[in-house]
Amino acid sequence: MELLHLFDPVGFWRIDLDTSHTYVSAGNAALFGKSSSSGPINVAEYCERIHPDDLDRFLNALEQAAREKTSYNVCYRLVIRGKEIAVQTIGRYRTSQGTSGEIIGITIRQPQQPEVPV
């Protein structure tokens, strides 16, 4: 865990495909400019932080991973407090005994991309 702090902010998350409940780590909440929560998050509030030009691409990658039981890697922009922040999400389908499975992933801020006022 100590090593992970060198790469802050790093966010982990998972989506239960049966319930659509989405759980995020404190790091993921921080990337999206949200408070951390131990329960399921409001996905709509998180999607509002994704740049409108990138939202469909992001959602399509998630849907494809769930449908085809595969992985994905998508770069997109968040808009937090009037600034664009470039991030990358890598996710994959994972089986879960007795369920339809889940999508798990990691989101990182792309360090080479500076914040850009919008």
C-alpha atoms as a PDB file:
ATOM      1  CA  MET A   1       0.000   0.000   0.000  1.00  0.00           C
ATOM      2  CA  GLU A   2       2.860   2.360   0.707  1.00  0.00           C
ATOM      3  CA  LEU A   3       3.948   2.155  -2.930  1.00  0.00           C
ATOM      4  CA  LEU A   4       0.474   3.189  -4.125  1.00  0.00           C
ATOM      5  CA  HIS A   5       0.823   6.553  -2.395  1.00  0.00           C
ATOM      6  CA  LEU A   6       3.649   7.379  -4.798  1.00  0.00           C
ATOM      7  CA  PHE A   7       1.112   7.263  -7.634  1.00  0.00           C
ATOM      8  CA  ASP A   8      -1.672   9.315  -6.001  1.00  0.00           C
ATOM      9  CA  PRO A   9      -4.280   9.898  -7.026  1.00  0.00           C
ATOM     10  CA  VAL A  10      -5.221   6.312  -7.942  1.00  0.00           C
ATOM     11  CA  GLY A  11      -8.810   5.157  -7.905  1.00  0.00           C
ATOM     12  CA  PHE A  12     -10.207   1.647  -7.728  1.00  0.00           C
ATOM     13  CA  TRP A  13     -13.842   0.759  -8.366  1.00  0.00           C
ATOM     14  CA  ARG A  14     -16.257  -2.066  -9.114  1.00  0.00           C
ATOM     15  CA  ILE A  15     -19.745  -2.340 -10.597  1.00  0.00           C
ATOM     16  CA  ASP A  16     -22.090  -5.182  -9.620  1.00  0.00           C
ATOM     17  CA  LEU A  17     -23.797  -6.088 -12.909  1.00  0.00           C
ATOM     18  CA  ASP A  18     -26.911  -7.498 -11.213  1.00  0.00           C
ATOM     19  CA  THR A  19     -27.675  -4.444  -9.090  1.00  0.00           C
ATOM     20  CA  SER A  20     -25.707  -1.751 -10.980  1.00  0.00           C
ATOM     21  CA  HIS A  21     -24.338  -0.706  -7.589  1.00  0.00           C
ATOM     22  CA  THR A  22     -20.980   0.984  -8.034  1.00  0.00           C
ATOM     23  CA  TYR A  23     -18.383   1.191  -5.286  1.00  0.00           C
ATOM     24  CA  VAL A  24     -15.301   3.417  -5.435  1.00  0.00           C
ATOM     25  CA  SER A  25     -12.173   3.888  -3.365  1.00  0.00           C
ATOM     26  CA  ALA A  26     -11.358   7.168  -1.652  1.00  0.00           C
ATOM     27  CA  GLY A  27      -8.778   7.778  -4.379  1.00  0.00           C
ATOM     28  CA  ASN A  28     -11.382   7.407  -7.099  1.00  0.00           C
ATOM     29  CA  ALA A  29     -13.725   9.776  -5.271  1.00  0.00           C
ATOM     30  CA  ALA A  30     -10.872  12.306  -4.996  1.00  0.00           C
ATOM     31  CA  LEU A  31     -10.125  12.082  -8.742  1.00  0.00           C
ATOM     32  CA  PHE A  32     -13.759  12.961  -9.447  1.00  0.00           C
ATOM     33  CA  GLY A  33     -13.783  15.749  -6.858  1.00  0.00           C
ATOM     34  CA  LYS A  34     -16.265  13.872  -4.671  1.00  0.00           C
ATOM     35  CA  SER A  35     -16.368  12.834  -1.015  1.00  0.00           C
ATOM     36  CA  SER A  36     -15.600   9.193  -0.288  1.00  0.00           C
ATOM     37  CA  SER A  37     -18.385   6.816   0.675  1.00  0.00           C
ATOM     38  CA  SER A  38     -18.467   3.259   1.994  1.00  0.00           C
ATOM     39  CA  GLY A  39     -21.705   2.464   0.157  1.00  0.00           C
ATOM     40  CA  PRO A  40     -22.742   2.593  -3.480  1.00  0.00           C
ATOM     41  CA  ILE A  41     -22.218   5.914  -5.231  1.00  0.00           C
ATOM     42  CA  ASN A  42     -24.576   7.976  -7.368  1.00  0.00           C
ATOM     43  CA  VAL A  43     -23.241   7.114 -10.833  1.00  0.00           C
ATOM     44  CA  ALA A  44     -25.086  10.022 -12.475  1.00  0.00           C
ATOM     45  CA  GLU A  45     -23.173  12.498 -10.286  1.00  0.00           C
ATOM     46  CA  TYR A  46     -19.879  10.921 -11.333  1.00  0.00           C
ATOM     47  CA  CYS A  47     -20.858  10.904 -15.024  1.00  0.00           C
ATOM     48  CA  GLU A  48     -21.592  14.639 -14.786  1.00  0.00           C
ATOM     49  CA  ARG A  49     -17.860  15.119 -14.132  1.00  0.00           C
ATOM     50  CA  ILE A  50     -16.861  13.422 -17.414  1.00  0.00           C
ATOM     51  CA  HIS A  51     -16.349  15.840 -20.298  1.00  0.00           C
ATOM     52  CA  PRO A  52     -19.492  15.747 -22.497  1.00  0.00           C
ATOM     53  CA  ASP A  53     -17.414  14.938 -25.601  1.00  0.00           C
ATOM     54  CA  ASP A  54     -15.954  11.865 -23.834  1.00  0.00           C
ATOM     55  CA  LEU A  55     -18.969  10.480 -21.966  1.00  0.00           C
ATOM     56  CA  ASP A  56     -20.389   8.270 -24.755  1.00  0.00           C
ATOM     57  CA  ARG A  57     -16.965   6.707 -25.417  1.00  0.00           C
ATOM     58  CA  PHE A  58     -16.526   5.996 -21.706  1.00  0.00           C
ATOM     59  CA  LEU A  59     -20.009   4.467 -21.312  1.00  0.00           C
ATOM     60  CA  ASN A  60     -19.657   2.413 -24.502  1.00  0.00           C
ATOM     61  CA  ALA A  61     -16.401   0.909 -23.212  1.00  0.00           C
ATOM     62  CA  LEU A  62     -18.122  -0.118 -19.969  1.00  0.00           C
ATOM     63  CA  GLU A  63     -21.122  -1.589 -21.778  1.00  0.00           C
ATOM     64  CA  GLN A  64     -18.940  -3.521 -24.196  1.00  0.00           C
ATOM     65  CA  ALA A  65     -16.854  -4.988 -21.366  1.00  0.00           C
ATOM     66  CA  ALA A  66     -20.023  -6.175 -19.590  1.00  0.00           C
ATOM     67  CA  ARG A  67     -21.643  -7.548 -22.752  1.00  0.00           C
ATOM     68  CA  GLU A  68     -18.560  -9.263 -24.189  1.00  0.00           C
ATOM     69  CA  LYS A  69     -16.971 -10.166 -20.837  1.00  0.00           C
ATOM     70  CA  THR A  70     -13.739  -8.485 -21.786  1.00  0.00           C
ATOM     71  CA  SER A  71     -11.438  -5.637 -20.742  1.00  0.00           C
ATOM     72  CA  TYR A  72     -11.053  -2.052 -21.860  1.00  0.00           C
ATOM     73  CA  ASN A  73      -8.704   0.908 -21.651  1.00  0.00           C
ATOM     74  CA  VAL A  74     -10.118   4.394 -22.195  1.00  0.00           C
ATOM     75  CA  CYS A  75      -8.658   7.880 -21.817  1.00  0.00           C
ATOM     76  CA  TYR A  76     -11.023  10.760 -21.171  1.00  0.00           C
ATOM     77  CA  ARG A  77     -11.294  14.120 -19.474  1.00  0.00           C
ATOM     78  CA  LEU A  78     -12.922  15.090 -16.221  1.00  0.00           C
ATOM     79  CA  VAL A  79     -14.153  18.623 -15.651  1.00  0.00           C
ATOM     80  CA  ILE A  80     -13.574  19.533 -12.006  1.00  0.00           C
ATOM     81  CA  ARG A  81     -14.043  23.085 -10.723  1.00  0.00           C
ATOM     82  CA  GLY A  82     -13.730  24.526 -14.229  1.00  0.00           C
ATOM     83  CA  LYS A  83     -10.565  22.625 -15.181  1.00  0.00           C
ATOM     84  CA  GLU A  84     -10.058  19.647 -17.480  1.00  0.00           C
ATOM     85  CA  ILE A  85      -8.137  16.735 -15.991  1.00  0.00           C
ATOM     86  CA  ALA A  86      -6.951  13.908 -18.261  1.00  0.00           C
ATOM     87  CA  VAL A  87      -7.467  10.436 -16.781  1.00  0.00           C
ATOM     88  CA  GLN A  88      -7.205   6.839 -17.905  1.00  0.00           C
ATOM     89  CA  THR A  89      -9.424   3.968 -16.821  1.00  0.00           C
ATOM     90  CA  ILE A  90      -8.511   0.327 -17.284  1.00  0.00           C
ATOM     91  CA  GLY A  91     -11.292  -2.104 -16.473  1.00  0.00           C
ATOM     92  CA  ARG A  92     -12.294  -5.694 -17.028  1.00  0.00           C
ATOM     93  CA  TYR A  93     -15.138  -8.119 -16.556  1.00  0.00           C
ATOM     94  CA  ARG A  94     -14.778 -10.486 -13.608  1.00  0.00           C
ATOM     95  CA  THR A  95     -16.929 -13.489 -12.828  1.00  0.00           C
ATOM     96  CA  SER A  96     -18.584 -13.596  -9.435  1.00  0.00           C
ATOM     97  CA  GLN A  97     -20.080 -16.912  -8.278  1.00  0.00           C
ATOM     98  CA  GLY A  98     -23.876 -16.964  -8.473  1.00  0.00           C
ATOM     99  CA  THR A  99     -24.146 -13.546 -10.181  1.00  0.00           C
ATOM    100  CA  SER A 100     -23.901 -11.996 -13.628  1.00  0.00           C
ATOM    101  CA  GLY A 101     -20.421 -10.801 -12.682  1.00  0.00           C
ATOM    102  CA  GLU A 102     -18.890  -7.402 -12.181  1.00  0.00           C
ATOM    103  CA  ILE A 103     -16.677  -4.854 -13.858  1.00  0.00           C
ATOM    104  CA  ILE A 104     -13.604  -3.863 -11.866  1.00  0.00           C
ATOM    105  CA  GLY A 105     -11.019  -1.257 -12.658  1.00  0.00           C
ATOM    106  CA  ILE A 106      -8.493   1.385 -11.858  1.00  0.00           C
ATOM    107  CA  THR A 107      -8.508   5.076 -12.785  1.00  0.00           C
ATOM    108  CA  ILE A 108      -5.360   7.183 -12.791  1.00  0.00           C
ATOM    109  CA  ARG A 109      -4.654  10.799 -13.542  1.00  0.00           C
ATOM    110  CA  GLN A 110      -2.416  11.173 -16.542  1.00  0.00           C
ATOM    111  CA  PRO A 111       0.567  13.031 -15.034  1.00  0.00           C
ATOM    112  CA  GLN A 112       1.880  14.413 -18.313  1.00  0.00           C
ATOM    113  CA  GLN A 113      -1.363  16.327 -18.850  1.00  0.00           C
ATOM    114  CA  PRO A 114      -1.612  19.670 -17.031  1.00  0.00           C
ATOM    115  CA  GLU A 115      -4.934  21.060 -15.846  1.00  0.00           C
ATOM    116  CA  VAL A 116      -6.421  23.264 -18.548  1.00  0.00           C
ATOM    117  CA  PRO A 117      -8.946  26.012 -17.725  1.00  0.00           C
ATOM    118  CA  VAL A 118     -12.237  25.567 -19.614  1.00  0.00           C
END
